N, C-alpha and C. Protein backbone atom coordinates (compact mmCIF):
# COMPACT_ATOMS: atom_id res chain seq x y z
N MET A 1 -11.30 2.72 10.18
CA MET A 1 -10.42 1.89 11.00
C MET A 1 -10.41 2.48 12.40
N ALA A 2 -10.53 1.66 13.39
CA ALA A 2 -10.58 2.13 14.77
C ALA A 2 -9.29 2.84 15.14
N ALA A 3 -9.42 3.88 15.95
CA ALA A 3 -8.27 4.69 16.34
C ALA A 3 -7.18 3.85 17.00
N GLU A 4 -7.60 2.83 17.76
CA GLU A 4 -6.61 2.01 18.46
C GLU A 4 -5.93 1.00 17.53
N ALA A 5 -6.45 0.78 16.34
CA ALA A 5 -5.89 -0.17 15.39
C ALA A 5 -4.92 0.54 14.47
N LYS A 6 -3.72 0.76 14.96
CA LYS A 6 -2.69 1.45 14.18
C LYS A 6 -2.22 0.58 13.02
N PRO A 7 -2.12 1.14 11.81
CA PRO A 7 -1.61 0.36 10.68
C PRO A 7 -0.10 0.13 10.82
N TYR A 8 0.34 -1.06 10.42
CA TYR A 8 1.74 -1.44 10.48
C TYR A 8 2.27 -1.72 9.09
N PRO A 9 3.59 -1.63 8.90
CA PRO A 9 4.16 -2.00 7.62
C PRO A 9 3.71 -3.41 7.24
N ARG A 10 3.43 -3.61 5.94
CA ARG A 10 2.93 -4.86 5.35
C ARG A 10 1.42 -4.96 5.39
N ASP A 11 0.74 -4.14 6.22
CA ASP A 11 -0.72 -4.20 6.25
C ASP A 11 -1.29 -3.75 4.92
N VAL A 12 -2.28 -4.46 4.44
CA VAL A 12 -3.04 -4.05 3.26
C VAL A 12 -4.31 -3.40 3.79
N VAL A 13 -4.50 -2.14 3.41
CA VAL A 13 -5.61 -1.34 3.93
C VAL A 13 -6.43 -0.79 2.77
N LEU A 14 -7.65 -0.41 3.08
CA LEU A 14 -8.52 0.23 2.10
C LEU A 14 -8.50 1.73 2.39
N VAL A 15 -8.12 2.53 1.38
CA VAL A 15 -7.96 3.98 1.56
C VAL A 15 -8.51 4.74 0.35
N GLU A 16 -8.78 6.02 0.57
CA GLU A 16 -9.05 6.94 -0.54
C GLU A 16 -7.69 7.35 -1.07
N PHE A 17 -7.27 6.74 -2.17
CA PHE A 17 -5.95 6.98 -2.73
C PHE A 17 -6.03 8.14 -3.73
N PRO A 18 -5.22 9.18 -3.54
CA PRO A 18 -5.30 10.36 -4.44
C PRO A 18 -4.75 10.06 -5.83
N PHE A 19 -5.40 10.64 -6.84
CA PHE A 19 -4.88 10.57 -8.20
C PHE A 19 -3.60 11.40 -8.26
N SER A 20 -2.67 11.00 -9.11
CA SER A 20 -1.39 11.71 -9.20
C SER A 20 -1.55 13.14 -9.71
N ASP A 21 -2.62 13.42 -10.45
CA ASP A 21 -2.83 14.80 -10.92
C ASP A 21 -3.64 15.63 -9.93
N MET A 22 -3.96 15.04 -8.76
CA MET A 22 -4.64 15.71 -7.65
C MET A 22 -6.06 16.15 -8.00
N THR A 23 -6.71 15.51 -9.00
CA THR A 23 -8.07 15.89 -9.36
C THR A 23 -9.12 15.11 -8.58
N GLY A 24 -8.70 14.15 -7.79
CA GLY A 24 -9.65 13.35 -7.03
C GLY A 24 -8.96 12.17 -6.39
N SER A 25 -9.76 11.18 -6.03
CA SER A 25 -9.22 9.98 -5.40
C SER A 25 -10.12 8.81 -5.72
N LYS A 26 -9.64 7.62 -5.38
CA LYS A 26 -10.39 6.40 -5.61
C LYS A 26 -10.22 5.49 -4.41
N LEU A 27 -11.29 4.87 -3.96
CA LEU A 27 -11.19 3.91 -2.88
C LEU A 27 -10.51 2.67 -3.43
N ARG A 28 -9.37 2.31 -2.84
CA ARG A 28 -8.60 1.19 -3.35
C ARG A 28 -7.73 0.61 -2.24
N PRO A 29 -7.27 -0.62 -2.44
CA PRO A 29 -6.33 -1.20 -1.48
C PRO A 29 -4.95 -0.58 -1.65
N ALA A 30 -4.22 -0.55 -0.56
CA ALA A 30 -2.85 -0.04 -0.57
C ALA A 30 -2.08 -0.78 0.52
N VAL A 31 -0.77 -0.78 0.39
CA VAL A 31 0.07 -1.42 1.41
C VAL A 31 0.80 -0.34 2.20
N VAL A 32 0.80 -0.50 3.50
CA VAL A 32 1.46 0.45 4.40
C VAL A 32 2.97 0.22 4.34
N VAL A 33 3.73 1.32 4.15
CA VAL A 33 5.19 1.22 4.13
C VAL A 33 5.85 2.08 5.21
N SER A 34 5.08 2.93 5.87
CA SER A 34 5.66 3.78 6.92
C SER A 34 5.82 2.99 8.22
N SER A 35 6.71 3.47 9.06
CA SER A 35 7.00 2.80 10.33
C SER A 35 5.79 2.87 11.27
N PRO A 36 5.72 1.97 12.24
CA PRO A 36 4.60 2.00 13.20
C PRO A 36 4.53 3.30 13.99
N SER A 37 5.65 3.98 14.18
CA SER A 37 5.64 5.21 14.96
C SER A 37 5.27 6.44 14.14
N TYR A 38 5.26 6.34 12.81
CA TYR A 38 4.96 7.48 11.96
C TYR A 38 3.60 8.11 12.26
N PRO A 39 2.51 7.32 12.40
CA PRO A 39 1.22 7.93 12.72
C PRO A 39 1.22 8.69 14.05
N ASP A 40 2.04 8.26 15.01
CA ASP A 40 2.11 8.94 16.30
C ASP A 40 2.55 10.38 16.15
N CYS A 41 3.45 10.61 15.20
CA CYS A 41 4.01 11.95 15.00
C CYS A 41 3.13 12.82 14.11
N GLU A 42 2.67 12.27 13.02
CA GLU A 42 1.99 13.07 12.00
C GLU A 42 0.50 12.77 11.83
N ASN A 43 0.00 11.72 12.49
CA ASN A 43 -1.38 11.28 12.29
C ASN A 43 -1.64 10.94 10.82
N GLU A 44 -0.60 10.42 10.17
CA GLU A 44 -0.64 10.03 8.77
C GLU A 44 0.04 8.69 8.60
N VAL A 45 -0.15 8.10 7.44
CA VAL A 45 0.48 6.84 7.09
C VAL A 45 0.92 6.94 5.63
N ILE A 46 2.03 6.32 5.30
CA ILE A 46 2.52 6.31 3.91
C ILE A 46 2.18 4.94 3.32
N VAL A 47 1.54 4.97 2.15
CA VAL A 47 1.08 3.74 1.51
C VAL A 47 1.51 3.70 0.05
N LEU A 48 1.50 2.50 -0.52
CA LEU A 48 1.72 2.30 -1.95
C LEU A 48 0.44 1.74 -2.56
N MET A 49 0.15 2.18 -3.75
CA MET A 49 -1.04 1.76 -4.49
C MET A 49 -0.98 0.27 -4.82
N ILE A 50 -2.14 -0.38 -4.74
CA ILE A 50 -2.30 -1.75 -5.22
C ILE A 50 -3.31 -1.71 -6.36
N THR A 51 -3.01 -2.39 -7.44
CA THR A 51 -3.90 -2.42 -8.60
C THR A 51 -4.18 -3.85 -9.03
N SER A 52 -5.38 -4.07 -9.54
CA SER A 52 -5.71 -5.37 -10.13
C SER A 52 -5.45 -5.35 -11.64
N GLN A 53 -5.13 -4.17 -12.17
CA GLN A 53 -4.79 -4.06 -13.59
C GLN A 53 -3.30 -4.33 -13.76
N ILE A 54 -2.95 -5.60 -13.61
CA ILE A 54 -1.53 -5.96 -13.57
C ILE A 54 -0.80 -5.71 -14.88
N GLU A 55 -1.54 -5.62 -15.98
CA GLU A 55 -0.89 -5.32 -17.26
C GLU A 55 -0.31 -3.90 -17.25
N ARG A 56 -0.85 -3.02 -16.42
CA ARG A 56 -0.33 -1.66 -16.30
C ARG A 56 0.88 -1.60 -15.37
N ALA A 57 1.05 -2.61 -14.55
CA ALA A 57 2.15 -2.64 -13.58
C ALA A 57 3.38 -3.26 -14.23
N ALA A 58 3.91 -2.56 -15.24
CA ALA A 58 5.01 -3.10 -16.04
C ALA A 58 6.35 -2.44 -15.76
N CYS A 59 6.39 -1.50 -14.84
CA CYS A 59 7.65 -0.83 -14.50
C CYS A 59 8.52 -1.74 -13.63
N GLU A 60 9.82 -1.50 -13.66
CA GLU A 60 10.71 -2.31 -12.82
C GLU A 60 10.48 -2.06 -11.34
N THR A 61 9.77 -0.99 -11.01
CA THR A 61 9.47 -0.69 -9.61
C THR A 61 8.10 -1.21 -9.18
N ASP A 62 7.40 -1.93 -10.05
CA ASP A 62 6.13 -2.56 -9.72
C ASP A 62 6.38 -4.02 -9.39
N CYS A 63 5.56 -4.59 -8.52
CA CYS A 63 5.76 -6.00 -8.20
C CYS A 63 4.42 -6.70 -7.97
N PRO A 64 4.30 -7.90 -8.56
CA PRO A 64 3.05 -8.67 -8.41
C PRO A 64 2.97 -9.27 -7.01
N HIS A 65 1.74 -9.54 -6.58
CA HIS A 65 1.50 -10.28 -5.33
C HIS A 65 1.45 -11.75 -5.68
N TRP A 66 2.25 -12.53 -5.04
CA TRP A 66 2.17 -13.97 -5.22
C TRP A 66 1.10 -14.54 -4.29
N ASP A 67 0.97 -13.96 -3.13
CA ASP A 67 0.03 -14.44 -2.12
C ASP A 67 -1.10 -13.44 -1.93
N TRP A 68 -1.75 -13.06 -3.02
CA TRP A 68 -2.76 -12.00 -2.98
C TRP A 68 -3.96 -12.36 -2.12
N GLN A 69 -4.32 -13.63 -2.03
CA GLN A 69 -5.48 -14.01 -1.21
C GLN A 69 -5.19 -13.80 0.27
N ASP A 70 -3.97 -14.12 0.70
CA ASP A 70 -3.60 -13.92 2.10
C ASP A 70 -3.59 -12.44 2.47
N ALA A 71 -3.38 -11.58 1.48
CA ALA A 71 -3.36 -10.14 1.72
C ALA A 71 -4.77 -9.56 1.79
N GLY A 72 -5.79 -10.40 1.60
CA GLY A 72 -7.17 -9.92 1.67
C GLY A 72 -7.66 -9.32 0.37
N LEU A 73 -6.98 -9.62 -0.73
CA LEU A 73 -7.37 -9.07 -2.03
C LEU A 73 -8.28 -10.04 -2.77
N LYS A 74 -9.11 -9.51 -3.67
CA LYS A 74 -10.10 -10.33 -4.36
C LYS A 74 -9.59 -10.98 -5.62
N THR A 75 -8.47 -10.48 -6.15
CA THR A 75 -7.96 -11.00 -7.42
C THR A 75 -6.45 -10.78 -7.48
N VAL A 76 -5.85 -11.35 -8.49
CA VAL A 76 -4.41 -11.15 -8.72
C VAL A 76 -4.15 -9.66 -8.80
N SER A 77 -3.14 -9.20 -8.09
CA SER A 77 -2.86 -7.76 -8.00
C SER A 77 -1.36 -7.50 -8.01
N ALA A 78 -1.03 -6.23 -8.09
CA ALA A 78 0.37 -5.81 -8.04
C ALA A 78 0.48 -4.53 -7.23
N VAL A 79 1.61 -4.37 -6.57
CA VAL A 79 1.92 -3.12 -5.87
C VAL A 79 2.63 -2.22 -6.86
N ARG A 80 2.16 -0.99 -6.96
CA ARG A 80 2.82 0.01 -7.79
C ARG A 80 3.58 0.93 -6.86
N CYS A 81 4.76 1.24 -7.19
CA CYS A 81 5.60 2.08 -6.33
C CYS A 81 5.19 3.54 -6.51
N ARG A 82 3.97 3.82 -6.12
CA ARG A 82 3.38 5.17 -6.15
C ARG A 82 2.98 5.52 -4.72
N PRO A 83 3.88 6.14 -3.99
CA PRO A 83 3.56 6.43 -2.58
C PRO A 83 2.59 7.59 -2.44
N ALA A 84 1.82 7.52 -1.38
CA ALA A 84 0.91 8.60 -0.99
C ALA A 84 0.92 8.69 0.53
N THR A 85 0.82 9.91 1.02
CA THR A 85 0.68 10.14 2.45
C THR A 85 -0.79 10.41 2.72
N ILE A 86 -1.36 9.59 3.58
CA ILE A 86 -2.80 9.61 3.83
C ILE A 86 -3.06 9.90 5.31
N ARG A 87 -4.01 10.76 5.59
CA ARG A 87 -4.43 10.98 6.98
C ARG A 87 -4.96 9.67 7.54
N ILE A 88 -4.61 9.35 8.75
CA ILE A 88 -4.96 8.07 9.35
C ILE A 88 -6.47 7.83 9.35
N GLU A 89 -7.26 8.89 9.50
CA GLU A 89 -8.71 8.71 9.52
C GLU A 89 -9.28 8.34 8.14
N ARG A 90 -8.47 8.46 7.08
CA ARG A 90 -8.92 8.07 5.74
C ARG A 90 -8.66 6.59 5.45
N VAL A 91 -8.02 5.91 6.40
CA VAL A 91 -7.86 4.46 6.29
C VAL A 91 -9.18 3.84 6.72
N LYS A 92 -9.87 3.23 5.78
CA LYS A 92 -11.22 2.70 6.04
C LYS A 92 -11.20 1.39 6.81
N SER A 93 -10.31 0.48 6.41
CA SER A 93 -10.25 -0.82 7.07
C SER A 93 -8.95 -1.53 6.73
N ARG A 94 -8.66 -2.56 7.49
CA ARG A 94 -7.52 -3.43 7.22
C ARG A 94 -8.05 -4.65 6.50
N LEU A 95 -7.47 -4.95 5.33
CA LEU A 95 -7.93 -6.09 4.53
C LEU A 95 -7.14 -7.35 4.82
N GLY A 96 -5.86 -7.19 5.12
CA GLY A 96 -4.98 -8.33 5.33
C GLY A 96 -3.56 -7.88 5.51
N ARG A 97 -2.64 -8.76 5.20
CA ARG A 97 -1.22 -8.48 5.40
C ARG A 97 -0.42 -9.20 4.31
N LEU A 98 0.59 -8.52 3.78
CA LEU A 98 1.43 -9.15 2.77
C LEU A 98 2.22 -10.30 3.38
N SER A 99 2.41 -11.33 2.60
CA SER A 99 3.28 -12.43 3.03
C SER A 99 4.71 -11.91 3.12
N GLU A 100 5.57 -12.63 3.78
CA GLU A 100 6.97 -12.22 3.89
C GLU A 100 7.61 -12.14 2.50
N GLN A 101 7.30 -13.09 1.62
CA GLN A 101 7.85 -13.08 0.25
C GLN A 101 7.41 -11.82 -0.50
N ASP A 102 6.13 -11.50 -0.44
CA ASP A 102 5.63 -10.30 -1.13
C ASP A 102 6.21 -9.03 -0.51
N TRP A 103 6.33 -9.00 0.81
CA TRP A 103 6.89 -7.83 1.49
C TRP A 103 8.34 -7.61 1.06
N GLN A 104 9.12 -8.65 0.93
CA GLN A 104 10.51 -8.51 0.48
C GLN A 104 10.56 -7.97 -0.94
N GLN A 105 9.63 -8.40 -1.79
CA GLN A 105 9.58 -7.87 -3.15
C GLN A 105 9.25 -6.38 -3.15
N VAL A 106 8.29 -5.98 -2.32
CA VAL A 106 7.92 -4.57 -2.24
C VAL A 106 9.11 -3.76 -1.77
N ARG A 107 9.83 -4.25 -0.79
CA ARG A 107 11.01 -3.53 -0.29
C ARG A 107 12.07 -3.39 -1.38
N GLU A 108 12.24 -4.43 -2.20
CA GLU A 108 13.19 -4.36 -3.31
C GLU A 108 12.72 -3.34 -4.35
N CYS A 109 11.44 -3.30 -4.63
CA CYS A 109 10.90 -2.31 -5.57
C CYS A 109 11.12 -0.89 -5.04
N LEU A 110 10.95 -0.69 -3.74
CA LEU A 110 11.21 0.62 -3.14
C LEU A 110 12.68 1.01 -3.27
N ARG A 111 13.56 0.03 -3.06
CA ARG A 111 15.01 0.32 -3.21
C ARG A 111 15.32 0.76 -4.63
N ARG A 112 14.73 0.08 -5.61
CA ARG A 112 14.96 0.48 -7.01
C ARG A 112 14.38 1.85 -7.31
N ALA A 113 13.19 2.12 -6.81
CA ALA A 113 12.52 3.40 -7.09
C ALA A 113 13.24 4.58 -6.47
N PHE A 114 13.76 4.39 -5.27
CA PHE A 114 14.37 5.52 -4.54
C PHE A 114 15.88 5.40 -4.39
N GLU A 115 16.45 4.40 -5.05
CA GLU A 115 17.91 4.16 -4.98
C GLU A 115 18.39 4.09 -3.53
N LEU A 116 17.68 3.31 -2.73
CA LEU A 116 18.04 3.15 -1.31
C LEU A 116 19.05 2.04 -1.13
């Protein structure tokens, strides 16, 4: 992703997403949840995992995409409330943007996950 193309909340990006056991990573889509100013301070972005294995996204903190095509995704997908902090240079590209409806669902899932 070009240095001048700062990721914004709701952006769906392609990143090397780390495995939770820290044994590696996988290139996958993710949604940006950090503020636009966050990369300015830390040169990082906070993202949530997106999966096409929606049967695994069964937690109350997971949410399906209703408008997955508008987000630049290839198939029905869900956001999993699994945050990761990624160096900005590991953001490969911007795929699309969540619809307002999907973004509100993600925000509600975050509230449930973190009791915000």
